[in-house]
Each structure stands twice: as structure tokens, then as C-alpha cells.
Amino acid sequence: MANGGRSVFLTQQQKKERLADRMGILVDIWEADNNTALTYPHVEEALSAHGIHLSRTRWSYLINGTGSLVTDQELLKGIAEYVFAVPASYLCDLNSETPPEVEARMEFLVQMRKLKVKNFAARNLGATSPEMLRTITRIIDASMNGEEED
């Protein structure tokens, strides 16, 4: 059992939020991998190829954590496996650990975003002194690592 063998009880709202958080992570990873936005038609097509129906409203509930909690295990399993290619337990068992492949892809995505911020800053600072660029780089790094710059 996840979480050191302890059972974790979540309220309905906490379950909706956790499921939406996990969906958000998967959507971010999918979009970074595919260099395009993940749209409802793409998801619906991937699922319907396997005989699974997903309404636009339910998709919205899943990604926004609003409306009714989606508990349909076949649907969640289908989304995990056919849309995101991750273990079904990540969406079906909200107490499960993050799969190593999702963890690794999240870490990679964070690093890529850090590089984009640094590259953006470098392109837009023009004729800034080397000392100032180093200071800005340290501030960006500290900010992205959750540290405070002195």
C-alpha cells in the first residue's frame, strides 16, 4: 500500500483536486512531448478507438477538478493508458505513488522550463554587463529552486 502502509482517507473535494493535479501534470508532459495543446477531440479519439466514451463535460471535470468526481475506473484506466501511456494506478488509485516515468518526465520538464526562462532573459537583456547577467542568472536559479536571493 502506498504511503508507508497507511490508509489515506480523502474528502470528495480532495479527491477531485488530486485527480485534477495528476491530470494537469500528465497534460503538461503530453503537451511538452508533442509540442502542441492536448485538446478534447484528441483525447476522445484515443479513447473511442478502444470503445471508451468521454463527454466534453466530463473531460472538463477531470482537468479542472470541478463538477462531479470522476470515478469510472474503465475511463480513468483508458485515459492513463491510451492517452498518456502511464500506469492506470496513477489515475485510478489517488493514494498511489507517482510512477518513476512520470516523476522523471516532470523533472525533465521543469529543467526545460528553467532553460526557456534563462534563454528568454538572455535574449531580451541585450547589452547588459556580464556581472549583471550573472546576478540575474543567480536570481532566476534561486527563484526556480525555491531559494531566496540575498
Protein backbone atom coordinates (compact mmCIF):
# COMPACT_ATOMS: atom_id res chain seq x y z
CA MET A 1 0.00 0.00 0.00
CA ALA A 2 1.26 3.49 -0.78
CA ASN A 3 2.15 5.98 1.93
CA GLY A 4 4.06 3.63 4.20
CA GLY A 5 1.24 1.11 4.56
CA ARG A 6 -1.20 3.65 5.98
CA SER A 7 -4.63 4.13 4.55
CA VAL A 8 -5.24 7.71 3.49
CA PHE A 9 -8.80 8.99 3.54
CA LEU A 10 -9.57 11.92 1.28
CA THR A 11 -12.70 14.01 1.10
CA GLN A 12 -14.55 14.17 -2.22
CA GLN A 13 -13.11 17.64 -2.81
CA GLN A 14 -9.58 16.44 -2.05
CA LYS A 15 -10.05 13.55 -4.48
CA LYS A 16 -11.24 15.92 -7.22
CA GLU A 17 -8.27 18.21 -6.59
CA ARG A 18 -5.75 15.37 -6.52
CA LEU A 19 -7.16 13.87 -9.71
CA ALA A 20 -7.10 17.30 -11.39
CA ASP A 21 -3.49 17.82 -10.24
CA ARG A 22 -2.45 14.48 -11.68
CA MET A 23 -4.31 15.21 -14.91
CA GLY A 24 -2.60 18.61 -15.10
CA ILE A 25 0.81 17.01 -14.74
CA LEU A 26 0.03 14.48 -17.46
CA VAL A 27 -1.36 17.16 -19.79
CA ASP A 28 1.77 19.30 -19.27
CA ILE A 29 4.02 16.36 -20.05
CA TRP A 30 1.94 15.34 -23.09
CA GLU A 31 1.97 18.88 -24.48
CA ALA A 32 5.72 19.23 -23.98
CA ASP A 33 6.35 15.86 -25.64
CA ASN A 34 4.04 16.62 -28.58
CA ASN A 35 4.73 20.35 -28.91
CA THR A 36 1.00 21.07 -29.22
CA ALA A 37 -2.00 21.58 -26.97
CA LEU A 38 -3.92 18.49 -25.87
CA THR A 39 -7.50 19.00 -27.00
CA TYR A 40 -10.70 17.18 -26.17
CA PRO A 41 -11.03 15.81 -29.74
CA HIS A 42 -7.60 14.17 -29.44
CA VAL A 43 -8.50 12.55 -26.12
CA GLU A 44 -11.93 11.46 -27.34
CA GLU A 45 -10.42 9.92 -30.48
CA ALA A 46 -7.80 7.97 -28.50
CA LEU A 47 -10.46 6.62 -26.13
CA SER A 48 -13.16 5.87 -28.70
CA ALA A 49 -10.66 3.74 -30.62
CA HIS A 50 -10.85 1.44 -27.57
CA GLY A 51 -14.62 1.68 -27.11
CA ILE A 52 -14.48 4.19 -24.26
CA HIS A 53 -16.76 7.24 -24.30
CA LEU A 54 -15.79 10.56 -22.72
CA SER A 55 -18.05 13.60 -22.85
CA ARG A 56 -16.60 17.08 -23.14
CA THR A 57 -18.21 17.93 -19.77
CA ARG A 58 -16.57 15.00 -18.02
CA TRP A 59 -13.21 15.92 -19.58
CA SER A 60 -13.62 19.41 -18.14
CA TYR A 61 -14.42 17.97 -14.69
CA LEU A 62 -11.27 15.87 -14.84
CA ILE A 63 -8.84 18.58 -15.80
CA ASN A 64 -10.37 21.38 -13.72
CA GLY A 65 -11.32 19.46 -10.56
CA THR A 66 -14.87 20.78 -10.77
CA GLY A 67 -18.27 19.15 -11.01
CA SER A 68 -18.74 15.53 -10.06
CA LEU A 69 -15.78 13.38 -9.10
CA VAL A 70 -15.00 11.04 -11.98
CA THR A 71 -14.77 7.53 -10.51
CA ASP A 72 -15.33 5.41 -13.64
CA GLN A 73 -12.33 3.08 -13.39
CA GLU A 74 -12.56 1.97 -17.03
CA LEU A 75 -12.49 5.61 -18.16
CA LEU A 76 -9.60 6.54 -15.86
CA LYS A 77 -7.67 3.44 -16.92
CA GLY A 78 -8.28 4.28 -20.57
CA ILE A 79 -7.11 7.87 -20.15
CA ALA A 80 -3.97 6.74 -18.32
CA GLU A 81 -3.07 4.01 -20.79
CA TYR A 82 -4.35 5.21 -24.17
CA VAL A 83 -3.87 8.96 -23.89
CA PHE A 84 -0.89 9.36 -21.56
CA ALA A 85 0.78 5.90 -21.66
CA VAL A 86 1.21 5.73 -17.87
CA PRO A 87 0.17 3.03 -15.39
CA ALA A 88 -3.58 3.09 -14.72
CA SER A 89 -2.96 3.19 -10.97
CA TYR A 90 -1.76 6.79 -11.26
CA LEU A 91 -5.32 7.93 -12.02
CA CYS A 92 -7.33 5.05 -10.54
CA ASP A 93 -5.67 4.98 -7.09
CA LEU A 94 -5.26 8.52 -5.79
CA ASN A 95 -3.16 7.23 -2.88
CA SER A 96 -0.63 5.63 -5.22
CA GLU A 97 2.89 6.91 -5.61
CA THR A 98 3.89 8.84 -8.71
CA PRO A 99 5.24 6.33 -11.25
CA PRO A 100 9.00 6.71 -11.87
CA GLU A 101 8.47 7.53 -15.56
CA VAL A 102 6.07 10.37 -14.66
CA GLU A 103 8.47 11.65 -11.99
CA ALA A 104 11.38 11.64 -14.45
CA ARG A 105 9.38 13.39 -17.16
CA MET A 106 8.17 16.03 -14.66
CA GLU A 107 11.76 16.73 -13.57
CA PHE A 108 12.87 17.00 -17.20
CA LEU A 109 10.00 19.39 -17.98
CA VAL A 110 10.94 21.60 -15.02
CA GLN A 111 14.54 21.80 -16.26
CA MET A 112 13.39 22.63 -19.79
CA ARG A 113 11.21 25.44 -18.44
CA LYS A 114 14.14 26.83 -16.48
CA LEU A 115 16.22 26.90 -19.64
CA LYS A 116 13.45 28.72 -21.52
CA VAL A 117 13.32 31.42 -18.83
CA LYS A 118 17.10 31.86 -18.91
CA ASN A 119 17.16 31.97 -22.71
CA PHE A 120 14.31 34.49 -22.77
CA ALA A 121 16.11 36.70 -20.27
CA ALA A 122 19.40 36.45 -22.18
CA ARG A 123 17.75 37.39 -25.49
CA ASN A 124 15.92 40.36 -24.03
CA LEU A 125 18.66 41.89 -21.90
CA GLY A 126 20.84 42.90 -24.85
CA ALA A 127 23.95 44.88 -23.90
CA THR A 128 23.87 44.13 -20.19
CA SER A 129 27.16 43.78 -18.33
CA PRO A 130 28.48 40.27 -17.61
CA GLU A 131 28.20 40.90 -13.86
CA MET A 132 24.55 41.88 -14.21
CA LEU A 133 23.83 38.80 -16.35
CA ARG A 134 25.45 36.55 -13.73
CA THR A 135 23.38 38.21 -10.99
CA ILE A 136 20.18 37.77 -12.98
CA THR A 137 21.06 34.12 -13.69
CA ARG A 138 21.63 33.50 -9.95
CA ILE A 139 18.29 35.14 -9.13
CA ILE A 140 16.47 33.03 -11.73
CA ASP A 141 18.15 29.84 -10.48
CA ALA A 142 17.39 30.65 -6.84
CA SER A 143 13.81 31.53 -7.67
CA MET A 144 13.25 28.31 -9.55
CA ASN A 145 14.87 26.26 -6.80
CA GLY A 146 12.64 27.84 -4.15
CA GLU A 147 15.51 29.75 -2.56
CA GLU A 148 15.69 33.40 -1.63
CA GLU A 149 18.41 35.55 -3.20
CA ASP A 150 20.40 37.70 -0.76
